[in-house]
Amino acid sequence: MARQIVMDTETTGLEADAGHNIIEIGCVEMVARKLTGNTYHQYINPDHEIDAEAMEVHGITHEFLADKPKFKEVMHAFVEFVRGAELIIHNAAFDVGFLDAELARNGFKERIADICTVTDSLLVARKKHPGQKNSLDALCRRYDIDNSHRELHGALLDSEILADVYLALTGGQTALMLSVGDQEDGSDGEPIRRVSAELAAKLSVLPADADELASHEQFLDLLDKISDGAVWRKAHSEEQIH
């Protein structure tokens, strides 16, 4: 099954080329689009001073990192955790640039592109919501994802939030029961089971009550938020037109 790793990093500054280092890596694992509970989380003692602006974002200090391992001590464990997976990162160029710089600096021959594939959730969001704010906080607001506990950036916390955002961002509506058109009979390799007219005439129909109808409308409202519109509403609208 497809294995996805949602990842975030915190750093001493903005430029890997200027010698800045990664100081925190956080990863959460998903298999078949479900969180497994398997995580990777590591603080790292850097070889570079932490910029004041960066410290304001994540709140991590040199004093806190003083007894943490260097990147070289943890890079093999990190690489093995992500190897072969699809990495999902918000603004991936930033994190991948830092990871590749750290790997090169510490004599590791492979780069992230050699180890796994990368999906940039920021690019996915910009394609789906062009011209809108697509920061992690903005996407949380758009998809009603609670991030009230996020006072400062943290790699593991942000990767957990991003996992929820990515699932909402890429969820939408997929085939409900049948995949029409995959085969000539529309069955997708499985027989379509139809109820005979005689049996259908004997079936009783229970209409939905007011509470059930209200719940149905709320669910359709949610589908409108996370996809291009609820399929049921589109089909119902077309029926009324015709």
C-alpha atoms as a PDB file:
ATOM      1  CA  MET A   1       0.000   0.000   0.000  1.00  0.00           C
ATOM      2  CA  ALA A   2       1.054   3.573  -0.641  1.00  0.00           C
ATOM      3  CA  ARG A   3       3.071   4.960   2.261  1.00  0.00           C
ATOM      4  CA  GLN A   4       3.058   8.717   2.771  1.00  0.00           C
ATOM      5  CA  ILE A   5       5.135  10.707   5.255  1.00  0.00           C
ATOM      6  CA  VAL A   6       3.908  14.187   6.174  1.00  0.00           C
ATOM      7  CA  MET A   7       6.950  16.170   7.269  1.00  0.00           C
ATOM      8  CA  ASP A   8       8.033  19.543   8.602  1.00  0.00           C
ATOM      9  CA  THR A   9      11.330  20.991   9.817  1.00  0.00           C
ATOM     10  CA  GLU A  10      12.465  23.921  11.931  1.00  0.00           C
ATOM     11  CA  THR A  11      15.784  25.626  11.219  1.00  0.00           C
ATOM     12  CA  THR A  12      18.270  28.158  12.569  1.00  0.00           C
ATOM     13  CA  GLY A  13      17.502  30.538   9.701  1.00  0.00           C
ATOM     14  CA  LEU A  14      16.205  30.828   6.168  1.00  0.00           C
ATOM     15  CA  GLU A  15      19.232  29.984   4.015  1.00  0.00           C
ATOM     16  CA  ALA A  16      20.810  26.547   3.919  1.00  0.00           C
ATOM     17  CA  ASP A  17      23.526  27.883   1.600  1.00  0.00           C
ATOM     18  CA  ALA A  18      24.589  30.302   4.339  1.00  0.00           C
ATOM     19  CA  GLY A  19      25.321  27.399   6.676  1.00  0.00           C
ATOM     20  CA  HIS A  20      22.048  27.393   8.587  1.00  0.00           C
ATOM     21  CA  ASN A  21      20.986  24.060  10.070  1.00  0.00           C
ATOM     22  CA  ILE A  22      17.915  21.971  10.719  1.00  0.00           C
ATOM     23  CA  ILE A  23      17.119  21.879  14.441  1.00  0.00           C
ATOM     24  CA  GLU A  24      13.907  19.843  14.446  1.00  0.00           C
ATOM     25  CA  ILE A  25      12.359  17.205  12.179  1.00  0.00           C
ATOM     26  CA  GLY A  26       8.808  15.961  12.620  1.00  0.00           C
ATOM     27  CA  CYS A  27       7.139  13.229  10.550  1.00  0.00           C
ATOM     28  CA  VAL A  28       3.822  11.381  10.712  1.00  0.00           C
ATOM     29  CA  GLU A  29       3.089   8.289   8.657  1.00  0.00           C
ATOM     30  CA  MET A  30      -0.021   7.570   6.601  1.00  0.00           C
ATOM     31  CA  VAL A  31      -0.824   4.325   4.816  1.00  0.00           C
ATOM     32  CA  ALA A  32      -3.777   4.234   2.422  1.00  0.00           C
ATOM     33  CA  ARG A  33      -4.562   7.819   3.521  1.00  0.00           C
ATOM     34  CA  LYS A  34      -4.945   6.817   7.157  1.00  0.00           C
ATOM     35  CA  LEU A  35      -2.681   7.926  10.014  1.00  0.00           C
ATOM     36  CA  THR A  36      -0.880   4.905  11.441  1.00  0.00           C
ATOM     37  CA  GLY A  37       0.355   6.501  14.677  1.00  0.00           C
ATOM     38  CA  ASN A  38       3.941   5.873  13.550  1.00  0.00           C
ATOM     39  CA  THR A  39       6.033   9.053  13.860  1.00  0.00           C
ATOM     40  CA  TYR A  40       9.604  10.292  13.675  1.00  0.00           C
ATOM     41  CA  HIS A  41      10.564  13.272  15.826  1.00  0.00           C
ATOM     42  CA  GLN A  42      14.055  14.589  16.527  1.00  0.00           C
ATOM     43  CA  TYR A  43      15.615  17.770  17.907  1.00  0.00           C
ATOM     44  CA  ILE A  44      19.119  18.445  16.559  1.00  0.00           C
ATOM     45  CA  ASN A  45      22.062  20.389  17.970  1.00  0.00           C
ATOM     46  CA  PRO A  46      23.109  22.811  15.196  1.00  0.00           C
ATOM     47  CA  ASP A  47      26.509  24.139  14.133  1.00  0.00           C
ATOM     48  CA  HIS A  48      25.046  27.603  13.546  1.00  0.00           C
ATOM     49  CA  GLU A  49      23.588  30.327  15.728  1.00  0.00           C
ATOM     50  CA  ILE A  50      19.790  30.555  15.717  1.00  0.00           C
ATOM     51  CA  ASP A  51      18.570  33.782  14.113  1.00  0.00           C
ATOM     52  CA  ALA A  52      16.379  35.914  16.365  1.00  0.00           C
ATOM     53  CA  GLU A  53      13.635  35.947  13.715  1.00  0.00           C
ATOM     54  CA  ALA A  54      13.647  32.140  13.536  1.00  0.00           C
ATOM     55  CA  MET A  55      13.524  31.841  17.325  1.00  0.00           C
ATOM     56  CA  GLU A  56      10.433  34.058  17.372  1.00  0.00           C
ATOM     57  CA  VAL A  57       8.728  31.567  15.049  1.00  0.00           C
ATOM     58  CA  HIS A  58       9.569  28.272  16.778  1.00  0.00           C
ATOM     59  CA  GLY A  59      10.808  29.295  20.241  1.00  0.00           C
ATOM     60  CA  ILE A  60      13.686  26.778  20.211  1.00  0.00           C
ATOM     61  CA  THR A  61      16.863  27.975  21.943  1.00  0.00           C
ATOM     62  CA  HIS A  62      20.514  26.932  21.876  1.00  0.00           C
ATOM     63  CA  GLU A  63      20.270  26.055  25.559  1.00  0.00           C
ATOM     64  CA  PHE A  64      17.473  23.585  24.833  1.00  0.00           C
ATOM     65  CA  LEU A  65      19.438  21.981  21.981  1.00  0.00           C
ATOM     66  CA  ALA A  66      22.777  21.769  23.804  1.00  0.00           C
ATOM     67  CA  ASP A  67      22.399  18.091  24.755  1.00  0.00           C
ATOM     68  CA  LYS A  68      20.697  16.981  21.518  1.00  0.00           C
ATOM     69  CA  PRO A  69      22.514  14.906  18.855  1.00  0.00           C
ATOM     70  CA  LYS A  70      24.138  16.352  15.758  1.00  0.00           C
ATOM     71  CA  PHE A  71      22.514  15.762  12.358  1.00  0.00           C
ATOM     72  CA  LYS A  72      25.161  13.205  11.412  1.00  0.00           C
ATOM     73  CA  GLU A  73      24.144  11.080  14.410  1.00  0.00           C
ATOM     74  CA  VAL A  74      20.493  10.891  13.357  1.00  0.00           C
ATOM     75  CA  MET A  75      20.565  11.098   9.560  1.00  0.00           C
ATOM     76  CA  HIS A  76      20.665   7.324   8.927  1.00  0.00           C
ATOM     77  CA  ALA A  77      17.619   6.715  11.132  1.00  0.00           C
ATOM     78  CA  PHE A  78      15.764   9.568   9.433  1.00  0.00           C
ATOM     79  CA  VAL A  79      16.633   8.364   5.927  1.00  0.00           C
ATOM     80  CA  GLU A  80      15.458   4.840   6.693  1.00  0.00           C
ATOM     81  CA  PHE A  81      12.181   6.179   8.107  1.00  0.00           C
ATOM     82  CA  VAL A  82      11.321   8.088   4.910  1.00  0.00           C
ATOM     83  CA  ARG A  83      12.955   5.785   2.333  1.00  0.00           C
ATOM     84  CA  GLY A  84      10.573   4.717  -0.416  1.00  0.00           C
ATOM     85  CA  ALA A  85       7.706   6.888   0.817  1.00  0.00           C
ATOM     86  CA  GLU A  86       5.980   9.899  -0.681  1.00  0.00           C
ATOM     87  CA  LEU A  87       7.036  12.928   1.360  1.00  0.00           C
ATOM     88  CA  ILE A  88       4.294  15.531   1.759  1.00  0.00           C
ATOM     89  CA  ILE A  89       5.710  18.942   2.722  1.00  0.00           C
ATOM     90  CA  HIS A  90       4.228  22.450   2.711  1.00  0.00           C
ATOM     91  CA  ASN A  91       6.613  24.641   0.684  1.00  0.00           C
ATOM     92  CA  ALA A  92       8.750  21.582  -0.042  1.00  0.00           C
ATOM     93  CA  ALA A  93      11.622  23.422  -1.742  1.00  0.00           C
ATOM     94  CA  PHE A  94      12.603  24.978   1.588  1.00  0.00           C
ATOM     95  CA  ASP A  95      12.714  21.754   3.621  1.00  0.00           C
ATOM     96  CA  VAL A  96      14.208  19.616   0.860  1.00  0.00           C
ATOM     97  CA  GLY A  97      16.893  22.248   0.268  1.00  0.00           C
ATOM     98  CA  PHE A  98      17.871  22.091   3.927  1.00  0.00           C
ATOM     99  CA  LEU A  99      17.785  18.285   4.048  1.00  0.00           C
ATOM    100  CA  ASP A 100      19.943  17.971   0.922  1.00  0.00           C
ATOM    101  CA  ALA A 101      22.413  20.515   2.333  1.00  0.00           C
ATOM    102  CA  GLU A 102      22.642  18.618   5.627  1.00  0.00           C
ATOM    103  CA  LEU A 103      23.115  15.277   3.863  1.00  0.00           C
ATOM    104  CA  ALA A 104      25.863  16.698   1.634  1.00  0.00           C
ATOM    105  CA  ARG A 105      27.555  18.458   4.563  1.00  0.00           C
ATOM    106  CA  ASN A 106      27.731  15.177   6.471  1.00  0.00           C
ATOM    107  CA  GLY A 107      29.038  12.994   3.645  1.00  0.00           C
ATOM    108  CA  PHE A 108      25.813  11.181   2.748  1.00  0.00           C
ATOM    109  CA  LYS A 109      25.873  10.262  -0.953  1.00  0.00           C
ATOM    110  CA  GLU A 110      22.123  10.213  -1.636  1.00  0.00           C
ATOM    111  CA  ARG A 111      19.799  13.184  -1.793  1.00  0.00           C
ATOM    112  CA  ILE A 112      16.083  13.334  -0.995  1.00  0.00           C
ATOM    113  CA  ALA A 113      15.132  12.764  -4.656  1.00  0.00           C
ATOM    114  CA  ASP A 114      17.124   9.499  -4.538  1.00  0.00           C
ATOM    115  CA  ILE A 115      15.389   8.363  -1.359  1.00  0.00           C
ATOM    116  CA  CYS A 116      11.711   9.181  -1.897  1.00  0.00           C
ATOM    117  CA  THR A 117       9.255  11.207  -3.939  1.00  0.00           C
ATOM    118  CA  VAL A 118       8.074  14.643  -2.801  1.00  0.00           C
ATOM    119  CA  THR A 119       4.659  16.296  -3.020  1.00  0.00           C
ATOM    120  CA  ASP A 120       4.437  19.996  -2.234  1.00  0.00           C
ATOM    121  CA  SER A 121       1.085  20.564  -0.513  1.00  0.00           C
ATOM    122  CA  LEU A 122       1.484  24.323  -1.038  1.00  0.00           C
ATOM    123  CA  LEU A 123       1.472  23.825  -4.828  1.00  0.00           C
ATOM    124  CA  VAL A 124      -1.541  21.511  -4.497  1.00  0.00           C
ATOM    125  CA  ALA A 125      -3.357  24.199  -2.486  1.00  0.00           C
ATOM    126  CA  ARG A 126      -2.439  26.993  -4.943  1.00  0.00           C
ATOM    127  CA  LYS A 127      -3.786  24.920  -7.840  1.00  0.00           C
ATOM    128  CA  LYS A 128      -7.043  24.238  -6.028  1.00  0.00           C
ATOM    129  CA  HIS A 129      -7.424  27.731  -4.531  1.00  0.00           C
ATOM    130  CA  PRO A 130      -5.700  30.143  -6.953  1.00  0.00           C
ATOM    131  CA  GLY A 131      -5.345  33.708  -5.783  1.00  0.00           C
ATOM    132  CA  GLN A 132      -6.146  32.857  -2.163  1.00  0.00           C
ATOM    133  CA  LYS A 133      -4.015  32.571   0.956  1.00  0.00           C
ATOM    134  CA  ASN A 134      -2.672  29.026   1.224  1.00  0.00           C
ATOM    135  CA  SER A 135      -0.539  29.103   4.353  1.00  0.00           C
ATOM    136  CA  LEU A 136      -1.093  26.272   6.804  1.00  0.00           C
ATOM    137  CA  ASP A 137      -3.094  28.575   9.089  1.00  0.00           C
ATOM    138  CA  ALA A 138      -5.235  29.815   6.180  1.00  0.00           C
ATOM    139  CA  LEU A 139      -5.965  26.250   5.057  1.00  0.00           C
ATOM    140  CA  CYS A 140      -6.912  25.285   8.612  1.00  0.00           C
ATOM    141  CA  ARG A 141      -9.473  28.088   8.625  1.00  0.00           C
ATOM    142  CA  ARG A 142     -10.764  27.111   5.180  1.00  0.00           C
ATOM    143  CA  TYR A 143     -11.252  23.462   6.109  1.00  0.00           C
ATOM    144  CA  ASP A 144     -12.383  24.008   9.718  1.00  0.00           C
ATOM    145  CA  ILE A 145      -9.339  22.241  11.178  1.00  0.00           C
ATOM    146  CA  ASP A 146      -8.620  23.171  14.783  1.00  0.00           C
ATOM    147  CA  ASN A 147      -5.102  24.556  15.211  1.00  0.00           C
ATOM    148  CA  SER A 148      -5.817  26.650  18.303  1.00  0.00           C
ATOM    149  CA  HIS A 149      -3.102  24.746  20.193  1.00  0.00           C
ATOM    150  CA  ARG A 150      -0.470  26.018  17.730  1.00  0.00           C
ATOM    151  CA  GLU A 151       0.985  29.057  19.496  1.00  0.00           C
ATOM    152  CA  LEU A 152       4.480  28.493  18.044  1.00  0.00           C
ATOM    153  CA  HIS A 153       5.656  26.497  15.057  1.00  0.00           C
ATOM    154  CA  GLY A 154       6.864  22.999  15.882  1.00  0.00           C
ATOM    155  CA  ALA A 155       7.886  20.357  13.350  1.00  0.00           C
ATOM    156  CA  LEU A 156       5.881  17.445  14.762  1.00  0.00           C
ATOM    157  CA  LEU A 157       2.812  19.532  15.595  1.00  0.00           C
ATOM    158  CA  ASP A 158       2.859  21.187  12.166  1.00  0.00           C
ATOM    159  CA  SER A 159       3.209  17.838  10.398  1.00  0.00           C
ATOM    160  CA  GLU A 160       0.196  16.492  12.332  1.00  0.00           C
ATOM    161  CA  ILE A 161      -1.854  19.560  11.345  1.00  0.00           C
ATOM    162  CA  LEU A 162      -0.631  19.322   7.743  1.00  0.00           C
ATOM    163  CA  ALA A 163      -1.762  15.687   7.578  1.00  0.00           C
ATOM    164  CA  ASP A 164      -5.324  16.763   8.403  1.00  0.00           C
ATOM    165  CA  VAL A 165      -5.112  19.642   5.923  1.00  0.00           C
ATOM    166  CA  TYR A 166      -3.733  17.436   3.137  1.00  0.00           C
ATOM    167  CA  LEU A 167      -6.464  14.835   3.582  1.00  0.00           C
ATOM    168  CA  ALA A 168      -9.114  17.562   3.373  1.00  0.00           C
ATOM    169  CA  LEU A 169      -7.346  19.262   0.478  1.00  0.00           C
ATOM    170  CA  THR A 170      -7.093  16.102  -1.622  1.00  0.00           C
ATOM    171  CA  GLY A 171     -10.193  14.267  -0.393  1.00  0.00           C
ATOM    172  CA  GLY A 172     -13.143  15.587  -2.349  1.00  0.00           C
ATOM    173  CA  GLN A 173     -15.535  12.949  -3.580  1.00  0.00           C
ATOM    174  CA  THR A 174     -14.405   9.720  -5.162  1.00  0.00           C
ATOM    175  CA  ALA A 175     -16.516   6.940  -6.628  1.00  0.00           C
ATOM    176  CA  LEU A 176     -19.238   6.017  -4.168  1.00  0.00           C
ATOM    177  CA  MET A 177     -20.051   2.438  -5.189  1.00  0.00           C
ATOM    178  CA  LEU A 178     -19.237   1.951  -8.869  1.00  0.00           C
ATOM    179  CA  SER A 179     -16.551   3.251 -11.193  1.00  0.00           C
ATOM    180  CA  VAL A 180     -18.606   4.000 -14.285  1.00  0.00           C
ATOM    181  CA  GLY A 181     -16.798   3.866 -17.604  1.00  0.00           C
ATOM    182  CA  ASP A 182     -13.764   1.817 -16.519  1.00  0.00           C
ATOM    183  CA  GLN A 183     -15.238  -1.116 -18.447  1.00  0.00           C
ATOM    184  CA  GLU A 184     -17.754  -1.220 -21.275  1.00  0.00           C
ATOM    185  CA  ASP A 185     -20.517  -2.353 -18.939  1.00  0.00           C
ATOM    186  CA  GLY A 186     -19.525   0.251 -16.318  1.00  0.00           C
ATOM    187  CA  SER A 187     -18.868  -2.461 -13.764  1.00  0.00           C
ATOM    188  CA  ASP A 188     -15.122  -1.965 -13.098  1.00  0.00           C
ATOM    189  CA  GLY A 189     -14.726  -5.747 -13.217  1.00  0.00           C
ATOM    190  CA  GLU A 190     -17.471  -6.426 -10.662  1.00  0.00           C
ATOM    191  CA  PRO A 191     -21.043  -7.424 -11.553  1.00  0.00           C
ATOM    192  CA  ILE A 192     -23.621  -4.652 -11.075  1.00  0.00           C
ATOM    193  CA  ARG A 193     -26.348  -6.026  -8.838  1.00  0.00           C
ATOM    194  CA  ARG A 194     -29.770  -4.737  -9.846  1.00  0.00           C
ATOM    195  CA  VAL A 195     -33.022  -5.212  -7.921  1.00  0.00           C
ATOM    196  CA  SER A 196     -35.760  -6.792  -9.990  1.00  0.00           C
ATOM    197  CA  ALA A 197     -38.906  -4.761 -10.667  1.00  0.00           C
ATOM    198  CA  GLU A 198     -40.998  -7.341  -8.815  1.00  0.00           C
ATOM    199  CA  LEU A 199     -38.839  -7.119  -5.682  1.00  0.00           C
ATOM    200  CA  ALA A 200     -38.602  -3.327  -5.908  1.00  0.00           C
ATOM    201  CA  ALA A 201     -42.410  -3.080  -5.869  1.00  0.00           C
ATOM    202  CA  LYS A 202     -42.464  -4.897  -2.521  1.00  0.00           C
ATOM    203  CA  LEU A 203     -39.884  -2.650  -0.872  1.00  0.00           C
ATOM    204  CA  SER A 204     -41.185   0.008   1.500  1.00  0.00           C
ATOM    205  CA  VAL A 205     -39.690   3.492   1.305  1.00  0.00           C
ATOM    206  CA  LEU A 206     -39.136   5.375   4.557  1.00  0.00           C
ATOM    207  CA  PRO A 207     -38.826   9.140   3.955  1.00  0.00           C
ATOM    208  CA  ALA A 208     -36.141  11.027   5.884  1.00  0.00           C
ATOM    209  CA  ASP A 209     -37.331  13.082   8.823  1.00  0.00           C
ATOM    210  CA  ALA A 210     -36.454  16.757   9.399  1.00  0.00           C
ATOM    211  CA  ASP A 211     -33.348  16.015  11.504  1.00  0.00           C
ATOM    212  CA  GLU A 212     -32.005  13.578   8.923  1.00  0.00           C
ATOM    213  CA  LEU A 213     -32.577  16.079   6.114  1.00  0.00           C
ATOM    214  CA  ALA A 214     -30.777  18.787   8.094  1.00  0.00           C
ATOM    215  CA  SER A 215     -27.817  16.465   8.729  1.00  0.00           C
ATOM    216  CA  HIS A 216     -27.745  15.606   5.031  1.00  0.00           C
ATOM    217  CA  GLU A 217     -27.582  19.301   4.093  1.00  0.00           C
ATOM    218  CA  GLN A 218     -24.746  19.883   6.595  1.00  0.00           C
ATOM    219  CA  PHE A 219     -22.786  17.020   5.034  1.00  0.00           C
ATOM    220  CA  LEU A 220     -23.353  18.455   1.551  1.00  0.00           C
ATOM    221  CA  ASP A 221     -22.126  21.850   2.817  1.00  0.00           C
ATOM    222  CA  LEU A 222     -18.911  20.139   3.972  1.00  0.00           C
ATOM    223  CA  LEU A 223     -18.463  18.470   0.568  1.00  0.00           C
ATOM    224  CA  ASP A 224     -18.885  21.868  -1.101  1.00  0.00           C
ATOM    225  CA  LYS A 225     -16.007  23.181   1.036  1.00  0.00           C
ATOM    226  CA  ILE A 226     -13.509  20.403   0.363  1.00  0.00           C
ATOM    227  CA  SER A 227     -14.314  19.614  -3.270  1.00  0.00           C
ATOM    228  CA  ASP A 228     -15.631  21.246  -6.409  1.00  0.00           C
ATOM    229  CA  GLY A 229     -19.192  20.825  -5.193  1.00  0.00           C
ATOM    230  CA  ALA A 230     -21.359  17.998  -3.912  1.00  0.00           C
ATOM    231  CA  VAL A 231     -22.167  15.571  -6.757  1.00  0.00           C
ATOM    232  CA  TRP A 232     -25.644  14.969  -5.351  1.00  0.00           C
ATOM    233  CA  ARG A 233     -26.508  18.669  -5.480  1.00  0.00           C
ATOM    234  CA  LYS A 234     -25.215  18.983  -9.041  1.00  0.00           C
ATOM    235  CA  ALA A 235     -27.241  15.971 -10.189  1.00  0.00           C
ATOM    236  CA  HIS A 236     -30.363  17.210  -8.366  1.00  0.00           C
ATOM    237  CA  SER A 237     -29.989  20.661  -9.935  1.00  0.00           C
ATOM    238  CA  GLU A 238     -29.675  19.143 -13.416  1.00  0.00           C
ATOM    239  CA  GLU A 239     -32.815  17.045 -12.836  1.00  0.00           C
ATOM    240  CA  GLN A 240     -34.774  20.181 -11.922  1.00  0.00           C
ATOM    241  CA  ILE A 241     -33.556  21.974 -15.080  1.00  0.00           C
ATOM    242  CA  HIS A 242     -34.605  19.089 -17.296  1.00  0.00           C
END
